[in-house]
């Protein structure tokens, strides 16, 4: 039994049917879920200003960030924060390749789509490690936190996203990117549900895992709607919002069990929860690997 079959609902009800008095419609949910997907992309390889400060010591890792790399990420952050697409893409190699299937052109296209409806964006990045490779290349592992506000169907959605990634820089250009872990949260309304997520970052092929999305506050007499969504990460999913159907939840959240596929892959696991007062969408990456830790090969 695969994850998608486990997440088919028995009594579907659309958001428009259940929450039309609050003005939350299926189009809004779809637009917001599309925002979540694009947020994950927007935070990839967009570090914020970092001085040439010491890093945590680790074997074969440089103790400081070279000034040229610090300048690159500082200028890239400035360009991205002001949504200057031309300036931002100058920091990418024309041969840029992303482990999720993006190239230079599709990276540019998705960023343009995301920034179009973003009213504020702020990037903050910590460099976790940096290694010097042959041919004047640098391999970095970073953790980027993205915060801001986006429009989804004419409503403001507050967003936060944390992405841990590995990127390679050569000749002052980003040549490749691989996301190691990520979680994005979007909230809308005066009192969106406060949701805790429980999901592993990585599982082995064929392994059973649990996904829980629990509303922390008491619901009282409030109606809670929700749904879970599993998507294989692909270029199409970056650029095309998913369709999702909501149903009434009799408990205070979503509790699901899934089984990973038999081949390495990358998936987004998302929960959508709506109650009187707001909506919360949480998306997290699940990497499916072989027992030796190998996943789908990343570009170099």
Protein backbone atom coordinates (compact mmCIF):
# COMPACT_ATOMS: atom_id res chain seq x y z
CA UNK A 1 0.00 0.00 0.00
CA UNK A 2 1.49 3.32 -0.98
CA UNK A 3 1.21 6.73 0.65
CA UNK A 4 -1.20 8.17 -1.88
CA UNK A 5 -3.71 5.35 -1.40
CA UNK A 6 -3.55 5.79 2.36
CA UNK A 7 -4.46 9.44 1.95
CA UNK A 8 -7.61 9.08 -0.11
CA UNK A 9 -10.59 10.53 1.74
CA UNK A 10 -13.95 8.79 2.20
CA UNK A 11 -16.24 11.85 2.67
CA UNK A 12 -14.73 14.73 0.73
CA UNK A 13 -16.13 18.23 1.23
CA UNK A 14 -14.82 21.32 -0.49
CA UNK A 15 -13.64 24.37 1.44
CA UNK A 16 -16.17 26.46 -0.47
CA UNK A 17 -19.03 24.31 0.82
CA UNK A 18 -17.93 24.35 4.45
CA UNK A 19 -16.39 27.79 4.93
CA UNK A 20 -18.00 30.13 2.44
CA UNK A 21 -19.22 32.48 5.22
CA UNK A 22 -15.58 33.16 6.11
CA UNK A 23 -14.72 33.67 2.46
CA UNK A 24 -12.21 30.80 2.35
CA UNK A 25 -12.71 29.04 -0.97
CA UNK A 26 -11.12 26.14 -2.81
CA UNK A 27 -9.37 28.64 -5.09
CA UNK A 28 -7.81 30.25 -2.04
CA UNK A 29 -6.60 26.90 -0.69
CA UNK A 30 -5.14 25.98 -4.07
CA UNK A 31 -3.42 29.34 -4.42
CA UNK A 32 -2.02 29.06 -0.92
CA UNK A 33 -0.75 25.55 -1.53
CA UNK A 34 0.90 26.81 -4.71
CA UNK A 35 2.51 29.52 -2.62
CA UNK A 36 3.92 26.85 -0.33
CA UNK A 37 5.54 25.04 -3.23
CA UNK A 38 7.08 28.22 -4.61
CA UNK A 39 8.32 29.27 -1.19
CA UNK A 40 10.39 26.11 -1.05
CA UNK A 41 11.96 27.07 -4.35
CA UNK A 42 12.49 30.71 -3.48
CA UNK A 43 14.61 29.84 -0.46
CA UNK A 44 16.98 27.60 -2.37
CA UNK A 45 20.52 28.92 -2.70
CA UNK A 46 19.59 32.44 -1.65
CA UNK A 47 21.77 33.05 1.42
CA UNK A 48 21.73 36.32 3.30
CA UNK A 49 24.61 38.59 4.25
CA UNK A 50 27.42 36.61 5.89
CA UNK A 51 30.74 38.05 6.99
CA UNK A 52 34.01 36.12 6.82
CA UNK A 53 33.45 34.70 10.31
CA UNK A 54 34.72 31.43 11.77
CA UNK A 55 32.67 28.29 11.24
CA UNK A 56 32.15 25.42 13.63
CA UNK A 57 35.19 23.18 13.41
CA UNK A 58 34.79 19.89 11.54
CA UNK A 59 37.20 17.60 9.68
CA UNK A 60 38.18 18.85 6.20
CA UNK A 61 36.06 21.99 6.63
CA UNK A 62 37.47 25.50 6.24
CA UNK A 63 37.56 27.55 9.44
CA UNK A 64 36.44 30.80 7.78
CA UNK A 65 34.26 31.86 4.88
CA UNK A 66 36.53 33.25 2.11
CA UNK A 67 35.87 36.96 1.46
CA UNK A 68 34.87 36.26 -2.15
CA UNK A 69 32.18 33.78 -1.03
CA UNK A 70 30.96 36.16 1.70
CA UNK A 71 30.64 38.93 -0.90
CA UNK A 72 28.80 36.65 -3.29
CA UNK A 73 26.15 35.62 -0.78
CA UNK A 74 25.79 39.16 0.53
CA UNK A 75 25.11 40.54 -2.95
CA UNK A 76 22.84 37.65 -3.84
CA UNK A 77 20.79 38.26 -0.71
CA UNK A 78 20.45 41.94 -1.53
CA UNK A 79 19.27 41.19 -5.06
CA UNK A 80 16.77 38.56 -3.92
CA UNK A 81 15.38 40.70 -1.11
CA UNK A 82 14.52 43.48 -3.53
CA UNK A 83 13.14 40.89 -6.01
CA UNK A 84 15.60 41.91 -8.72
CA UNK A 85 15.39 38.88 -10.98
CA UNK A 86 18.12 39.90 -13.46
CA UNK A 87 20.58 40.69 -10.68
CA UNK A 88 19.74 37.47 -8.84
CA UNK A 89 20.22 35.23 -11.86
CA UNK A 90 23.69 36.70 -12.50
CA UNK A 91 24.85 34.61 -9.54
CA UNK A 92 23.77 31.37 -11.25
CA UNK A 93 25.82 29.52 -13.84
CA UNK A 94 24.10 29.11 -17.24
CA UNK A 95 24.64 25.38 -16.67
CA UNK A 96 23.03 25.46 -13.21
CA UNK A 97 21.47 22.12 -12.24
CA UNK A 98 19.26 21.34 -9.27
CA UNK A 99 18.73 17.86 -7.84
CA UNK A 100 14.95 18.44 -8.12
CA UNK A 101 15.18 18.88 -11.90
CA UNK A 102 15.43 22.67 -12.22
CA UNK A 103 17.86 24.36 -14.57
CA UNK A 104 18.77 28.02 -15.09
CA UNK A 105 15.65 28.81 -17.10
CA UNK A 106 13.11 27.08 -14.87
CA UNK A 107 14.76 28.47 -11.71
CA UNK A 108 14.30 31.95 -13.17
CA UNK A 109 10.70 31.22 -14.17
CA UNK A 110 9.70 29.92 -10.73
CA UNK A 111 11.35 32.79 -8.86
CA UNK A 112 9.54 35.29 -11.08
CA UNK A 113 6.22 33.59 -10.34
CA UNK A 114 6.84 33.56 -6.60
CA UNK A 115 8.05 37.15 -6.31
CA UNK A 116 5.13 38.50 -8.33
CA UNK A 117 2.78 38.09 -5.34
CA UNK A 118 5.32 38.56 -2.54
CA UNK A 119 4.81 41.82 -0.64
CA UNK A 120 7.84 41.32 1.61
CA UNK A 121 10.75 38.87 1.63
CA UNK A 122 13.66 38.43 4.02
CA UNK A 123 16.45 35.84 3.80
CA UNK A 124 18.79 34.87 6.64
CA UNK A 125 21.37 32.13 6.17
CA UNK A 126 23.93 30.37 8.30
CA UNK A 127 26.81 28.57 6.59
CA UNK A 128 27.14 25.27 8.41
CA UNK A 129 30.23 24.06 6.57
CA UNK A 130 32.45 24.98 3.65
CA UNK A 131 34.98 22.81 1.82
CA UNK A 132 37.42 23.78 -0.90
CA UNK A 133 37.29 21.42 -3.87
CA UNK A 134 39.57 21.06 -6.93
CA UNK A 135 39.38 23.60 -9.76
CA UNK A 136 38.61 26.49 -7.41
CA UNK A 137 35.20 25.13 -6.39
CA UNK A 138 33.52 25.48 -3.01
CA UNK A 139 31.00 23.08 -1.50
CA UNK A 140 28.75 24.73 1.10
CA UNK A 141 26.10 23.42 3.43
CA UNK A 142 23.73 26.17 4.51
CA UNK A 143 20.59 26.70 6.53
CA UNK A 144 18.36 29.42 5.13
CA UNK A 145 15.39 30.94 6.95
CA UNK A 146 12.90 32.79 4.77
CA UNK A 147 10.12 34.98 6.13
CA UNK A 148 7.66 37.30 4.48
CA UNK A 149 4.11 37.86 3.25
CA UNK A 150 2.48 36.63 0.04
CA UNK A 151 -0.86 37.20 -1.61
CA UNK A 152 -2.98 34.12 -2.20
CA UNK A 153 -6.34 34.76 -3.86
CA UNK A 154 -6.22 38.39 -2.61
CA UNK A 155 -5.47 37.33 0.97
CA UNK A 156 -2.22 37.84 2.89
CA UNK A 157 -0.39 34.69 3.89
CA UNK A 158 2.46 34.89 6.39
CA UNK A 159 5.26 32.51 5.59
CA UNK A 160 8.30 31.02 7.25
CA UNK A 161 10.57 28.48 5.62
CA UNK A 162 13.71 26.73 6.79
CA UNK A 163 15.85 24.99 4.19
CA UNK A 164 19.07 23.10 4.72
CA UNK A 165 20.88 22.65 1.44
CA UNK A 166 24.16 21.79 -0.23
CA UNK A 167 25.40 23.95 -3.09
CA UNK A 168 28.53 24.16 -5.19
CA UNK A 169 30.07 27.47 -6.29
CA UNK A 170 32.63 27.78 -9.08
CA UNK A 171 33.98 30.97 -10.63
CA UNK A 172 31.64 33.01 -8.42
CA UNK A 173 28.56 31.24 -9.80
CA UNK A 174 26.21 28.71 -8.24
CA UNK A 175 26.54 25.61 -10.40
CA UNK A 176 24.50 23.03 -8.45
CA UNK A 177 22.03 22.72 -5.59
CA UNK A 178 20.63 19.89 -3.48
CA UNK A 179 18.08 20.32 -0.70
CA UNK A 180 18.81 18.15 2.34
CA UNK A 181 15.78 19.14 4.42
CA UNK A 182 13.05 21.77 4.35
CA UNK A 183 9.85 22.83 6.03
CA UNK A 184 7.56 25.68 5.00
CA UNK A 185 4.63 27.07 6.95
CA UNK A 186 1.97 29.46 5.64
CA UNK A 187 -0.75 30.96 7.82
CA UNK A 188 -3.69 33.19 7.03
CA UNK A 189 -6.50 34.78 9.02
CA UNK A 190 -6.76 36.30 12.48
CA UNK A 191 -6.38 33.03 14.39
CA UNK A 192 -4.86 30.30 12.20
CA UNK A 193 -4.48 26.85 13.76
CA UNK A 194 -1.25 26.37 15.71
CA UNK A 195 0.00 23.09 14.22
CA UNK A 196 2.76 20.72 15.30
CA UNK A 197 4.18 18.42 12.61
CA UNK A 198 5.78 15.02 13.19
CA UNK A 199 7.51 13.55 10.13
CA UNK A 200 11.02 12.14 9.64
CA UNK A 201 13.33 14.00 7.26
CA UNK A 202 14.55 10.74 5.72
CA UNK A 203 13.38 7.13 5.45
CA UNK A 204 14.70 4.03 3.72
CA UNK A 205 13.04 2.62 0.61
CA UNK A 206 10.03 0.51 1.54
CA UNK A 207 10.00 1.79 5.13
CA UNK A 208 6.75 2.54 6.97
CA UNK A 209 6.50 6.00 8.52
CA UNK A 210 3.99 8.19 10.35
CA UNK A 211 2.83 11.71 9.55
CA UNK A 212 0.97 13.65 12.24
CA UNK A 213 -0.28 17.24 12.07
CA UNK A 214 -1.78 18.16 15.43
CA UNK A 215 -3.64 21.36 16.33
CA UNK A 216 -2.26 22.49 19.70
CA UNK A 217 -5.10 24.67 20.99
CA UNK A 218 -8.50 23.32 22.11
CA UNK A 219 -11.07 23.46 19.32
CA UNK A 220 -14.21 23.73 21.42
CA UNK A 221 -17.19 23.87 19.06
CA UNK A 222 -15.10 24.97 16.05
CA UNK A 223 -15.34 22.91 12.88
CA UNK A 224 -11.91 21.69 11.76
CA UNK A 225 -11.31 20.88 8.10
CA UNK A 226 -8.15 19.31 6.81
CA UNK A 227 -6.32 17.15 4.35
CA UNK A 228 -2.90 15.64 3.74
CA UNK A 229 -1.09 15.63 0.43
CA UNK A 230 1.88 13.63 -0.82
CA UNK A 231 3.68 14.75 -3.98
CA UNK A 232 6.77 13.47 -5.74
CA UNK A 233 9.02 16.49 -6.20
CA UNK A 234 9.37 17.45 -9.85
CA UNK A 235 9.64 20.48 -12.07
CA UNK A 236 5.90 20.33 -12.78
CA UNK A 237 5.08 20.49 -9.06
CA UNK A 238 7.21 23.61 -8.66
CA UNK A 239 5.28 25.42 -11.38
CA UNK A 240 1.73 23.99 -11.07
CA UNK A 241 -0.29 24.24 -7.82
CA UNK A 242 -1.83 21.03 -6.55
CA UNK A 243 -5.55 20.37 -6.24
CA UNK A 244 -6.69 19.33 -2.77
CA UNK A 245 -10.05 18.39 -1.25
CA UNK A 246 -10.82 19.00 2.41
CA UNK A 247 -12.97 17.00 4.80
CA UNK A 248 -14.26 17.51 8.36
CA UNK A 249 -11.88 16.11 10.97
CA UNK A 250 -13.33 14.44 14.04
CA UNK A 251 -10.04 14.67 15.95
CA UNK A 252 -7.71 17.59 16.54
CA UNK A 253 -5.49 16.99 13.55
CA UNK A 254 -4.33 14.59 10.85
CA UNK A 255 -2.82 11.19 11.69
CA UNK A 256 -1.56 9.09 8.78
CA UNK A 257 0.73 6.14 8.13
CA UNK A 258 2.52 5.68 4.83
CA UNK A 259 5.02 3.39 3.17
CA UNK A 260 7.94 4.73 1.19
CA UNK A 261 8.32 3.55 -2.42
CA UNK A 262 10.87 0.92 -3.37
CA UNK A 263 13.11 3.37 -5.24
CA UNK A 264 14.94 6.47 -3.92
CA UNK A 265 12.98 9.66 -4.47
CA UNK A 266 12.11 13.03 -2.95
CA UNK A 267 8.62 13.93 -1.78
CA UNK A 268 6.71 16.84 -0.30
CA UNK A 269 4.33 15.90 2.49
CA UNK A 270 1.80 18.65 3.28
CA UNK A 271 -1.02 19.24 5.73
CA UNK A 272 -3.80 21.79 5.25
CA UNK A 273 -5.86 22.67 8.33
CA UNK A 274 -8.70 25.23 8.46
CA UNK A 275 -10.87 26.35 11.36
CA UNK A 276 -12.96 29.40 12.14
CA UNK A 277 -10.40 32.18 12.17
CA UNK A 278 -7.76 30.96 9.77
CA UNK A 279 -5.78 28.44 7.77
CA UNK A 280 -2.39 26.79 8.26
CA UNK A 281 -0.45 24.92 5.58
CA UNK A 282 2.73 23.04 6.46
CA UNK A 283 4.90 21.31 3.86
CA UNK A 284 7.96 19.22 4.64
CA UNK A 285 10.40 17.33 2.45
CA UNK A 286 10.77 13.58 2.87
CA UNK A 287 13.88 12.06 1.32
CA UNK A 288 13.62 8.36 0.46
CA UNK A 289 17.04 6.71 0.33
CA UNK A 290 18.62 3.29 0.15
CA UNK A 291 19.82 1.75 3.43
CA UNK A 292 23.36 2.94 2.69
CA UNK A 293 22.06 6.53 2.60
CA UNK A 294 22.20 7.01 -1.16
CA UNK A 295 19.41 9.03 -2.76
CA UNK A 296 18.68 10.17 -6.27
CA UNK A 297 22.05 11.46 -7.54
CA UNK A 298 22.47 15.20 -7.22
CA UNK A 299 23.94 17.24 -10.07
CA UNK A 300 27.51 18.42 -9.86
